PDB file of N, CA and C in Angstrom:
ATOM      1  N   MET A   1       1.024  -1.043  -0.227  1.00  0.00           N
ATOM      2  CA  MET A   1      -0.073   0.085  -0.457  1.00  0.00           C
ATOM      3  C   MET A   1       1.010   1.488   0.210  1.00  0.00           C
ATOM      4  N   THR A   2       0.622   1.819  -1.010  1.00  0.00           N
ATOM      5  CA  THR A   2       1.398   3.287  -0.742  1.00  0.00           C
ATOM      6  C   THR A   2       0.466   4.675  -0.605  1.00  0.00           C
ATOM      7  N   ARG A   3       1.504   5.113   0.034  1.00  0.00           N
ATOM      8  CA  ARG A   3       0.033   6.332   0.827  1.00  0.00           C
ATOM      9  C   ARG A   3       0.990   7.847   0.599  1.00  0.00           C
ATOM     10  N   THR A   4       0.320   8.975   0.837  1.00  0.00           N
ATOM     11  CA  THR A   4       1.377  10.066   0.206  1.00  0.00           C
ATOM     12  C   THR A   4       0.650  11.277   0.841  1.00  0.00           C
ATOM     13  N   LEU A   5       0.960  11.427   2.152  1.00  0.00           N
ATOM     14  CA  LEU A   5       0.391  12.317   2.973  1.00  0.00           C
ATOM     15  C   LEU A   5       1.377  14.048   2.720  1.00  0.00           C
ATOM     16  N   GLU A   6       0.966  14.821   3.183  1.00  0.00           N
ATOM     17  CA  GLU A   6       1.811  16.011   3.276  1.00  0.00           C
ATOM     18  C   GLU A   6       0.811  16.979   4.535  1.00  0.00           C
ATOM     19  N   TRP A   7       2.259  17.212   5.791  1.00  0.00           N
ATOM     20  CA  TRP A   7       2.019  17.978   6.975  1.00  0.00           C
ATOM     21  C   TRP A   7       2.001  19.058   6.993  1.00  0.00           C
ATOM     22  N   THR A   8       2.078  20.267   7.338  1.00  0.00           N
ATOM     23  CA  THR A   8       2.329  20.910   7.260  1.00  0.00           C
ATOM     24  C   THR A   8       2.739  21.674   9.075  1.00  0.00           C
ATOM     25  N   VAL A   9       4.199  22.015   8.620  1.00  0.00           N
ATOM     26  CA  VAL A   9       4.567  22.687  10.589  1.00  0.00           C
ATOM     27  C   VAL A   9       5.349  23.920  10.153  1.00  0.00           C
ATOM     28  N   GLY A  10       4.353  25.181  11.107  1.00  0.00           N
ATOM     29  CA  GLY A  10       4.858  26.264  11.492  1.00  0.00           C
ATOM     30  C   GLY A  10       5.202  26.633  12.098  1.00  0.00           C
ATOM     31  N   LEU A  11       6.386  27.749  12.634  1.00  0.00           N
ATOM     32  CA  LEU A  11       7.373  27.790  13.397  1.00  0.00           C
ATOM     33  C   LEU A  11       6.786  29.663  14.055  1.00  0.00           C
ATOM     34  N   GLU A  12       5.879  30.114  14.904  1.00  0.00           N
ATOM     35  CA  GLU A  12       6.316  31.116  15.496  1.00  0.00           C
ATOM     36  C   GLU A  12       6.884  31.688  16.224  1.00  0.00           C
ATOM     37  N   LEU A  13       7.796  32.436  16.223  1.00  0.00           N
ATOM     38  CA  LEU A  13       8.627  33.386  17.397  1.00  0.00           C
ATOM     39  C   LEU A  13       8.247  34.977  17.249  1.00  0.00           C
ATOM     40  N   VAL A  14       8.555  34.862  18.996  1.00  0.00           N
ATOM     41  CA  VAL A  14       8.322  36.559  19.006  1.00  0.00           C
ATOM     42  C   VAL A  14       9.304  36.752  20.360  1.00  0.00           C
ATOM     43  N   GLU A  15      10.075  38.081  20.456  1.00  0.00           N
ATOM     44  CA  GLU A  15      11.044  38.235  21.072  1.00  0.00           C
ATOM     45  C   GLU A  15      10.519  39.535  21.820  1.00  0.00           C
ATOM     46  N   GLU A  16      10.892  39.196  23.001  1.00  0.00           N
ATOM     47  CA  GLU A  16      10.564  40.782  23.674  1.00  0.00           C
ATOM     48  C   GLU A  16      11.461  40.787  25.354  1.00  0.00           C
ATOM     49  N   ASP A  17      11.850  42.218  25.177  1.00  0.00           N
ATOM     50  CA  ASP A  17      12.948  42.230  26.543  1.00  0.00           C
ATOM     51  C   ASP A  17      13.668  40.802  26.647  1.00  0.00           C
ATOM     52  N   GLY A  18      14.079  40.878  25.757  1.00  0.00           N
ATOM     53  CA  GLY A  18      15.373  39.646  26.301  1.00  0.00           C
ATOM     54  C   GLY A  18      14.997  37.991  26.149  1.00  0.00           C
ATOM     55  N   ARG A  19      13.709  37.634  26.119  1.00  0.00           N
ATOM     56  CA  ARG A  19      12.958  36.692  26.059  1.00  0.00           C
ATOM     57  C   ARG A  19      12.182  36.602  24.795  1.00  0.00           C
ATOM     58  N   THR A  20      12.706  34.905  24.170  1.00  0.00           N
ATOM     59  CA  THR A  20      11.832  34.767  22.841  1.00  0.00           C
ATOM     60  C   THR A  20      10.978  33.473  23.453  1.00  0.00           C
ATOM     61  N   ARG A  21       9.796  33.742  22.990  1.00  0.00           N
ATOM     62  CA  ARG A  21       8.714  32.784  22.807  1.00  0.00           C
ATOM     63  C   ARG A  21       8.768  32.108  21.239  1.00  0.00           C
ATOM     64  N   ALA A  22       8.396  31.501  21.506  1.00  0.00           N
ATOM     65  CA  ALA A  22       8.128  30.103  20.346  1.00  0.00           C
ATOM     66  C   ALA A  22       6.663  29.378  20.296  1.00  0.00           C
ATOM     67  N   GLU A  23       6.127  29.157  19.404  1.00  0.00           N
ATOM     68  CA  GLU A  23       5.269  28.212  19.518  1.00  0.00           C
ATOM     69  C   GLU A  23       5.195  27.627  17.802  1.00  0.00           C
ATOM     70  N   ALA A  24       5.196  26.016  17.442  1.00  0.00           N
ATOM     71  CA  ALA A  24       5.283  25.687  16.441  1.00  0.00           C
ATOM     72  C   ALA A  24       3.821  24.652  16.528  1.00  0.00           C
ATOM     73  N   HIS A  25       3.213  25.232  15.306  1.00  0.00           N
ATOM     74  CA  HIS A  25       1.748  24.183  14.909  1.00  0.00           C
ATOM     75  C   HIS A  25       2.121  23.287  13.321  1.00  0.00           C
ATOM     76  N   LEU A  26       0.954  21.754  14.316  1.00  0.00           N
ATOM     77  CA  LEU A  26       1.320  20.877  13.260  1.00  0.00           C
ATOM     78  C   LEU A  26      -0.020  20.732  12.261  1.00  0.00           C
ATOM     79  N   ASP A  27      -0.226  20.453  11.121  1.00  0.00           N
ATOM     80  CA  ASP A  27      -1.558  20.657  10.830  1.00  0.00           C
ATOM     81  C   ASP A  27      -1.553  19.279   9.537  1.00  0.00           C
ATOM     82  N   THR A  28      -1.954  18.051  10.464  1.00  0.00           N
ATOM     83  CA  THR A  28      -2.499  17.056   9.534  1.00  0.00           C
ATOM     84  C   THR A  28      -3.216  17.146   8.238  1.00  0.00           C
ATOM     85  N   GLY A  29      -4.189  17.839   8.716  1.00  0.00           N
ATOM     86  CA  GLY A  29      -4.923  17.776   7.589  1.00  0.00           C
ATOM     87  C   GLY A  29      -6.913  17.301   8.469  1.00  0.00           C
ATOM     88  N   THR A  30      -6.504  16.476   9.445  1.00  0.00           N
ATOM     89  CA  THR A  30      -7.583  15.802  10.662  1.00  0.00           C
ATOM     90  C   THR A  30      -7.001  16.863  11.715  1.00  0.00           C
ATOM     91  N   SER A  31      -5.791  16.876  12.492  1.00  0.00           N
ATOM     92  CA  SER A  31      -5.640  17.256  13.176  1.00  0.00           C
ATOM     93  C   SER A  31      -4.460  18.166  13.626  1.00  0.00           C
ATOM     94  N   HIS A  32      -4.529  19.363  14.628  1.00  0.00           N
ATOM     95  CA  HIS A  32      -4.106  20.047  15.180  1.00  0.00           C
ATOM     96  C   HIS A  32      -3.495  20.351  16.440  1.00  0.00           C
ATOM     97  N   LEU A  33      -1.839  20.190  16.372  1.00  0.00           N
ATOM     98  CA  LEU A  33      -1.015  20.560  18.015  1.00  0.00           C
ATOM     99  C   LEU A  33      -0.024  21.459  17.239  1.00  0.00           C
ATOM    100  N   THR A  34      -0.262  21.856  18.696  1.00  0.00           N
ATOM    101  CA  THR A  34       0.728  23.332  18.899  1.00  0.00           C
ATOM    102  C   THR A  34       1.689  22.856  20.169  1.00  0.00           C
ATOM    103  N   GLY A  35       3.130  23.494  19.900  1.00  0.00           N
ATOM    104  CA  GLY A  35       4.302  23.372  20.849  1.00  0.00           C
ATOM    105  C   GLY A  35       4.673  24.907  21.500  1.00  0.00           C
ATOM    106  N   HIS A  36       5.076  24.362  22.376  1.00  0.00           N
ATOM    107  CA  HIS A  36       5.327  25.830  22.810  1.00  0.00           C
ATOM    108  C   HIS A  36       7.212  25.986  23.677  1.00  0.00           C
ATOM    109  N   GLY A  37       8.062  26.895  23.458  1.00  0.00           N
ATOM    110  CA  GLY A  37       9.191  26.961  23.558  1.00  0.00           C
ATOM    111  C   GLY A  37       9.347  28.299  24.178  1.00  0.00           C
ATOM    112  N   SER A  38      10.634  28.164  25.069  1.00  0.00           N
ATOM    113  CA  SER A  38      11.102  29.814  24.926  1.00  0.00           C
ATOM    114  C   SER A  38      12.203  30.110  26.012  1.00  0.00           C
ATOM    115  N   ALA A  39      13.031  30.865  25.625  1.00  0.00           N
ATOM    116  CA  ALA A  39      14.517  30.783  26.239  1.00  0.00           C
ATOM    117  C   ALA A  39      14.400  32.359  26.620  1.00  0.00           C
ATOM    118  N   ARG A  40      15.533  32.386  27.427  1.00  0.00           N
ATOM    119  CA  ARG A  40      15.819  33.929  27.900  1.00  0.00           C
ATOM    120  C   ARG A  40      17.281  34.227  27.860  1.00  0.00           C
ATOM    121  N   CYS A  41      17.968  35.503  27.404  1.00  0.00           N
ATOM    122  CA  CYS A  41      18.728  35.845  27.715  1.00  0.00           C
ATOM    123  C   CYS A  41      19.215  35.952  29.375  1.00  0.00           C
ATOM    124  N   ASN A  42      20.590  35.712  29.434  1.00  0.00           N
ATOM    125  CA  ASN A  42      21.092  35.890  30.870  1.00  0.00           C
ATOM    126  C   ASN A  42      21.288  37.432  31.080  1.00  0.00           C
ATOM    127  N   PRO A  43      21.185  38.334  32.276  1.00  0.00           N
ATOM    128  CA  PRO A  43      21.370  39.763  31.733  1.00  0.00           C
ATOM    129  C   PRO A  43      22.744  39.945  31.658  1.00  0.00           C
ATOM    130  N   ALA A  44      23.797  38.934  32.193  1.00  0.00           N
ATOM    131  CA  ALA A  44      25.155  38.971  31.809  1.00  0.00           C
ATOM    132  C   ALA A  44      26.045  38.401  30.758  1.00  0.00           C
ATOM    133  N   ASP A  45      25.331  38.164  29.654  1.00  0.00           N
ATOM    134  CA  ASP A  45      25.543  37.535  29.041  1.00  0.00           C
ATOM    135  C   ASP A  45      25.477  38.592  27.611  1.00  0.00           C
ATOM    136  N   VAL A  46      25.865  38.568  26.730  1.00  0.00           N
ATOM    137  CA  VAL A  46      25.828  39.558  25.372  1.00  0.00           C
ATOM    138  C   VAL A  46      24.975  38.972  24.799  1.00  0.00           C
ATOM    139  N   ASP A  47      23.852  39.575  24.258  1.00  0.00           N
ATOM    140  CA  ASP A  47      22.582  39.519  23.938  1.00  0.00           C
ATOM    141  C   ASP A  47      22.794  39.073  22.225  1.00  0.00           C
ATOM    142  N   VAL A  48      22.164  37.670  21.803  1.00  0.00           N
ATOM    143  CA  VAL A  48      22.358  37.317  20.521  1.00  0.00           C
ATOM    144  C   VAL A  48      21.571  36.671  20.056  1.00  0.00           C
ATOM    145  N   PRO A  49      20.665  37.264  19.544  1.00  0.00           N
ATOM    146  CA  PRO A  49      19.065  37.153  18.826  1.00  0.00           C
ATOM    147  C   PRO A  49      18.789  35.579  18.261  1.00  0.00           C
ATOM    148  N   ALA A  50      19.052  35.007  17.810  1.00  0.00           N
ATOM    149  CA  ALA A  50      19.777  33.848  17.306  1.00  0.00           C
ATOM    150  C   ALA A  50      19.702  32.573  17.723  1.00  0.00           C
ATOM    151  N   ILE A  51      20.293  32.874  18.874  1.00  0.00           N
ATOM    152  CA  ILE A  51      20.725  31.948  19.848  1.00  0.00           C
ATOM    153  C   ILE A  51      19.405  31.394  20.817  1.00  0.00           C
ATOM    154  N   GLY A  52      18.306  32.771  21.346  1.00  0.00           N
ATOM    155  CA  GLY A  52      17.538  32.592  21.770  1.00  0.00           C
ATOM    156  C   GLY A  52      16.246  31.716  20.466  1.00  0.00           C
ATOM    157  N   ASP A  53      15.995  32.560  19.587  1.00  0.00           N
ATOM    158  CA  ASP A  53      15.641  31.850  18.185  1.00  0.00           C
ATOM    159  C   ASP A  53      15.853  30.295  18.004  1.00  0.00           C
ATOM    160  N   GLU A  54      16.765  29.877  18.293  1.00  0.00           N
ATOM    161  CA  GLU A  54      16.754  28.316  18.124  1.00  0.00           C
ATOM    162  C   GLU A  54      16.888  27.759  19.063  1.00  0.00           C
ATOM    163  N   LEU A  55      17.135  28.409  20.410  1.00  0.00           N
ATOM    164  CA  LEU A  55      16.493  27.443  21.619  1.00  0.00           C
ATOM    165  C   LEU A  55      14.992  27.563  22.245  1.00  0.00           C
ATOM    166  N   ALA A  56      14.566  28.488  21.537  1.00  0.00           N
ATOM    167  CA  ALA A  56      12.582  28.274  21.976  1.00  0.00           C
ATOM    168  C   ALA A  56      11.917  27.517  20.371  1.00  0.00           C
ATOM    169  N   ALA A  57      12.734  27.373  19.262  1.00  0.00           N
ATOM    170  CA  ALA A  57      12.258  27.052  18.204  1.00  0.00           C
ATOM    171  C   ALA A  57      12.699  25.537  18.606  1.00  0.00           C
ATOM    172  N   SER A  58      13.620  25.165  19.100  1.00  0.00           N
ATOM    173  CA  SER A  58      14.078  23.599  19.447  1.00  0.00           C
ATOM    174  C   SER A  58      13.344  23.173  20.730  1.00  0.00           C
ATOM    175  N   ARG A  59      12.964  24.044  21.414  1.00  0.00           N
ATOM    176  CA  ARG A  59      11.766  23.513  22.542  1.00  0.00           C
ATOM    177  C   ARG A  59      10.738  23.353  22.329  1.00  0.00           C
ATOM    178  N   ALA A  60      10.099  24.373  21.376  1.00  0.00           N
ATOM    179  CA  ALA A  60       8.955  24.472  20.743  1.00  0.00           C
ATOM    180  C   ALA A  60       8.622  23.158  20.081  1.00  0.00           C
ATOM    181  N   MET A  61       9.772  22.668  19.099  1.00  0.00           N
ATOM    182  CA  MET A  61       9.363  21.684  18.860  1.00  0.00           C
ATOM    183  C   MET A  61       9.663  20.047  19.114  1.00  0.00           C
ATOM    184  N   LYS A  62      10.724  20.279  20.279  1.00  0.00           N
ATOM    185  CA  LYS A  62      10.179  19.078  21.125  1.00  0.00           C
ATOM    186  C   LYS A  62       8.687  18.739  21.848  1.00  0.00           C
ATOM    187  N   ASP A  63       8.337  19.519  22.477  1.00  0.00           N
ATOM    188  CA  ASP A  63       7.492  19.823  23.065  1.00  0.00           C
ATOM    189  C   ASP A  63       5.853  19.368  22.161  1.00  0.00           C
ATOM    190  N   LEU A  64       6.175  19.651  20.796  1.00  0.00           N
ATOM    191  CA  LEU A  64       5.173  19.363  19.855  1.00  0.00           C
ATOM    192  C   LEU A  64       5.298  17.262  19.124  1.00  0.00           C
ATOM    193  N   ALA A  65       6.826  17.316  19.204  1.00  0.00           N
ATOM    194  CA  ALA A  65       6.860  16.132  18.909  1.00  0.00           C
ATOM    195  C   ALA A  65       6.748  15.254  20.006  1.00  0.00           C
ATOM    196  N   GLY A  66       6.915  15.427  21.499  1.00  0.00           N
ATOM    197  CA  GLY A  66       6.371  14.918  22.410  1.00  0.00           C
ATOM    198  C   GLY A  66       4.555  14.255  22.534  1.00  0.00           C
ATOM    199  N   GLN A  67       3.941  15.639  22.061  1.00  0.00           N
ATOM    200  CA  GLN A  67       2.286  15.559  21.745  1.00  0.00           C
ATOM    201  C   GLN A  67       2.259  14.275  20.921  1.00  0.00           C
ATOM    202  N   LEU A  68       2.964  14.344  19.875  1.00  0.00           N
ATOM    203  CA  LEU A  68       2.428  13.653  18.514  1.00  0.00           C
ATOM    204  C   LEU A  68       2.912  12.466  19.348  1.00  0.00           C
ATOM    205  N   MET A  69       4.005  12.198  19.866  1.00  0.00           N
ATOM    206  CA  MET A  69       4.349  10.808  19.815  1.00  0.00           C
ATOM    207  C   MET A  69       3.419  10.302  21.155  1.00  0.00           C
ATOM    208  N   ARG A  70       2.959  11.012  22.286  1.00  0.00           N
ATOM    209  CA  ARG A  70       1.707  10.778  23.245  1.00  0.00           C
ATOM    210  C   ARG A  70       0.242  10.356  22.411  1.00  0.00           C
ATOM    211  N   GLU A  71      -0.385  10.870  21.552  1.00  0.00           N
ATOM    212  CA  GLU A  71      -1.418  10.726  20.331  1.00  0.00           C
ATOM    213  C   GLU A  71      -0.674   9.270  19.868  1.00  0.00           C
ATOM    214  N   ALA A  72       0.108   9.300  19.562  1.00  0.00           N
ATOM    215  CA  ALA A  72       0.703   7.531  18.558  1.00  0.00           C
ATOM    216  C   ALA A  72       0.701   6.969  19.517  1.00  0.00           C
ATOM    217  N   ASN A  73       0.863   6.829  20.694  1.00  0.00           N
ATOM    218  CA  ASN A  73       0.965   5.832  21.764  1.00  0.00           C
ATOM    219  C   ASN A  73      -0.806   5.265  22.164  1.00  0.00           C
ATOM    220  N   ARG A  74      -1.450   6.906  22.269  1.00  0.00           N
ATOM    221  CA  ARG A  74      -2.648   6.376  22.956  1.00  0.00           C
ATOM    222  C   ARG A  74      -3.696   5.255  21.871  1.00  0.00           C
ATOM    223  N   GLU A  75      -3.004   6.002  20.754  1.00  0.00           N
ATOM    224  CA  GLU A  75      -3.712   5.698  19.276  1.00  0.00           C
ATOM    225  C   GLU A  75      -3.862   3.711  19.020  1.00  0.00           C
ATOM    226  N   MET A  76      -2.356   3.915  19.862  1.00  0.00           N
ATOM    227  CA  MET A  76      -1.978   2.393  19.142  1.00  0.00           C
ATOM    228  C   MET A  76      -2.511   1.485  20.629  1.00  0.00           C
ATOM    229  N   GLU A  77      -2.561   2.222  21.566  1.00  0.00           N
ATOM    230  CA  GLU A  77      -3.237   1.513  22.759  1.00  0.00           C
ATOM    231  C   GLU A  77      -4.854   0.708  22.332  1.00  0.00           C
ATOM    232  N   ALA A  78      -5.437   2.347  21.805  1.00  0.00           N
ATOM    233  CA  ALA A  78      -7.018   2.047  21.584  1.00  0.00           C
ATOM    234  C   ALA A  78      -7.224   0.896  20.060  1.00  0.00           C
ATOM    235  N   ALA A  79      -6.101   1.015  19.320  1.00  0.00           N
ATOM    236  CA  ALA A  79      -6.168  -0.289  18.609  1.00  0.00           C
ATOM    237  C   ALA A  79      -6.064  -1.795  18.827  1.00  0.00           C
ATOM    238  N   GLY A  80      -5.147  -1.855  20.384  1.00  0.00           N
ATOM    239  CA  GLY A  80      -5.393  -2.901  20.892  1.00  0.00           C
ATOM    240  C   GLY A  80      -3.464  -3.784  20.840  1.00  0.00           C
ATOM    241  N   ALA A  81      -2.855  -2.394  20.408  1.00  0.00           N
ATOM    242  CA  ALA A  81      -1.504  -3.073  20.291  1.00  0.00           C
ATOM    243  C   ALA A  81      -0.942  -3.187  21.359  1.00  0.00           C
ATOM    244  N   GLY A  82      -1.356  -3.129  22.663  1.00  0.00           N
ATOM    245  CA  GLY A  82      -0.983  -3.348  24.538  1.00  0.00           C
ATOM    246  C   GLY A  82      -0.352  -1.701  25.094  1.00  0.00           C
ATOM    247  N   THR A  83       0.202  -1.971  26.100  1.00  0.00           N
ATOM    248  CA  THR A  83       0.798  -1.032  26.374  1.00  0.00           C
ATOM    249  C   THR A  83       1.954  -0.868  25.928  1.00  0.00           C
ATOM    250  N   VAL A  84       2.477   0.664  25.603  1.00  0.00           N
ATOM    251  CA  VAL A  84       3.594   0.982  25.163  1.00  0.00           C
ATOM    252  C   VAL A  84       4.329   1.213  25.940  1.00  0.00           C
ATOM    253  N   PRO A  85       6.015   0.555  26.033  1.00  0.00           N
ATOM    254  CA  PRO A  85       6.968   0.893  26.877  1.00  0.00           C
ATOM    255  C   PRO A  85       7.143   2.062  26.842  1.00  0.00           C
ATOM    256  N   GLN A  86       7.310   2.472  28.146  1.00  0.00           N
ATOM    257  CA  GLN A  86       7.628   4.285  28.205  1.00  0.00           C
ATOM    258  C   GLN A  86       9.320   4.020  28.455  1.00  0.00           C
ATOM    259  N   HIS A  87       9.948   4.667  27.926  1.00  0.00           N
ATOM    260  CA  HIS A  87      11.451   4.644  27.851  1.00  0.00           C
ATOM    261  C   HIS A  87      11.552   5.709  28.412  1.00  0.00           C
ATOM    262  N   THR A  88      13.086   5.759  29.499  1.00  0.00           N
ATOM    263  CA  THR A  88      13.385   6.939  30.180  1.00  0.00           C
ATOM    264  C   THR A  88      14.506   7.692  29.486  1.00  0.00           C
ATOM    265  N   GLY A  89      15.135   7.297  28.443  1.00  0.00           N
ATOM    266  CA  GLY A  89      16.386   8.248  27.669  1.00  0.00           C
ATOM    267  C   GLY A  89      15.748   9.134  26.657  1.00  0.00           C
ATOM    268  N   PRO A  90      16.133   9.790  25.855  1.00  0.00           N
ATOM    269  CA  PRO A  90      15.308  10.719  25.040  1.00  0.00           C
ATOM    270  C   PRO A  90      14.506  10.327  23.856  1.00  0.00           C
ATOM    271  N   GLY A  91      14.922   8.806  23.176  1.00  0.00           N
ATOM    272  CA  GLY A  91      13.405   8.043  22.536  1.00  0.00           C
ATOM    273  C   GLY A  91      13.940   8.692  20.972  1.00  0.00           C
ATOM    274  N   TYR A  92      14.963   9.144  20.493  1.00  0.00           N
ATOM    275  CA  TYR A  92      14.724   9.876  18.950  1.00  0.00           C
ATOM    276  C   TYR A  92      16.014   8.713  18.177  1.00  0.00           C
ATOM    277  N   GLY A  93      15.504   8.830  16.820  1.00  0.00           N
ATOM    278  CA  GLY A  93      15.529   7.811  15.792  1.00  0.00           C
ATOM    279  C   GLY A  93      15.071   6.658  15.878  1.00  0.00           C
ATOM    280  N   TRP A  94      16.179   5.363  15.489  1.00  0.00           N
ATOM    281  CA  TRP A  94      15.935   4.332  14.843  1.00  0.00           C
ATOM    282  C   TRP A  94      16.981   3.389  16.549  1.00  0.00           C
ATOM    283  N   PRO A  95      15.290   2.539  16.883  1.00  0.00           N
ATOM    284  CA  PRO A  95      16.613   1.653  18.046  1.00  0.00           C
ATOM    285  C   PRO A  95      17.799   1.547  17.501  1.00  0.00           C
ATOM    286  N   GLU A  96      18.698   0.743  18.820  1.00  0.00           N
ATOM    287  CA  GLU A  96      20.115  -0.118  18.447  1.00  0.00           C
ATOM    288  C   GLU A  96      20.025  -1.327  17.683  1.00  0.00           C
ATOM    289  N   ALA A  97      18.504  -1.828  17.503  1.00  0.00           N
ATOM    290  CA  ALA A  97      18.354  -2.828  16.609  1.00  0.00           C
ATOM    291  C   ALA A  97      17.916  -3.122  15.068  1.00  0.00           C
ATOM    292  N   VAL A  98      17.851  -1.536  14.945  1.00  0.00           N
ATOM    293  CA  VAL A  98      17.193  -1.558  13.680  1.00  0.00           C
ATOM    294  C   VAL A  98      18.426  -0.867  12.405  1.00  0.00           C
ATOM    295  N   SER A  99      18.926  -0.302  13.243  1.00  0.00           N
ATOM    296  CA  SER A  99      20.204   0.854  12.611  1.00  0.00           C
ATOM    297  C   SER A  99      21.486  -0.099  12.326  1.00  0.00           C
TER     298      SER A  99
END
């Protein structure tokens, strides 16, 4: 079975008073999720806005990824796949047995 889907991810960044806030939006066509992230500049550090953007954006995307994984886990359990193992590590990428 071949299937092609297009999911859209958008990222909005707002910087104000040394704090950067980010929202990552996922639109799958059937559902919408929003991840949030933030970063702040230590007053003792040089203000480099690009670093705040990267930190806030990565945190928002990590939040979004976690929400998507939890949704997939709920759907697998609802489909009878049993309890999904909870990993203590980051859980990104392919498991060792596959790579």
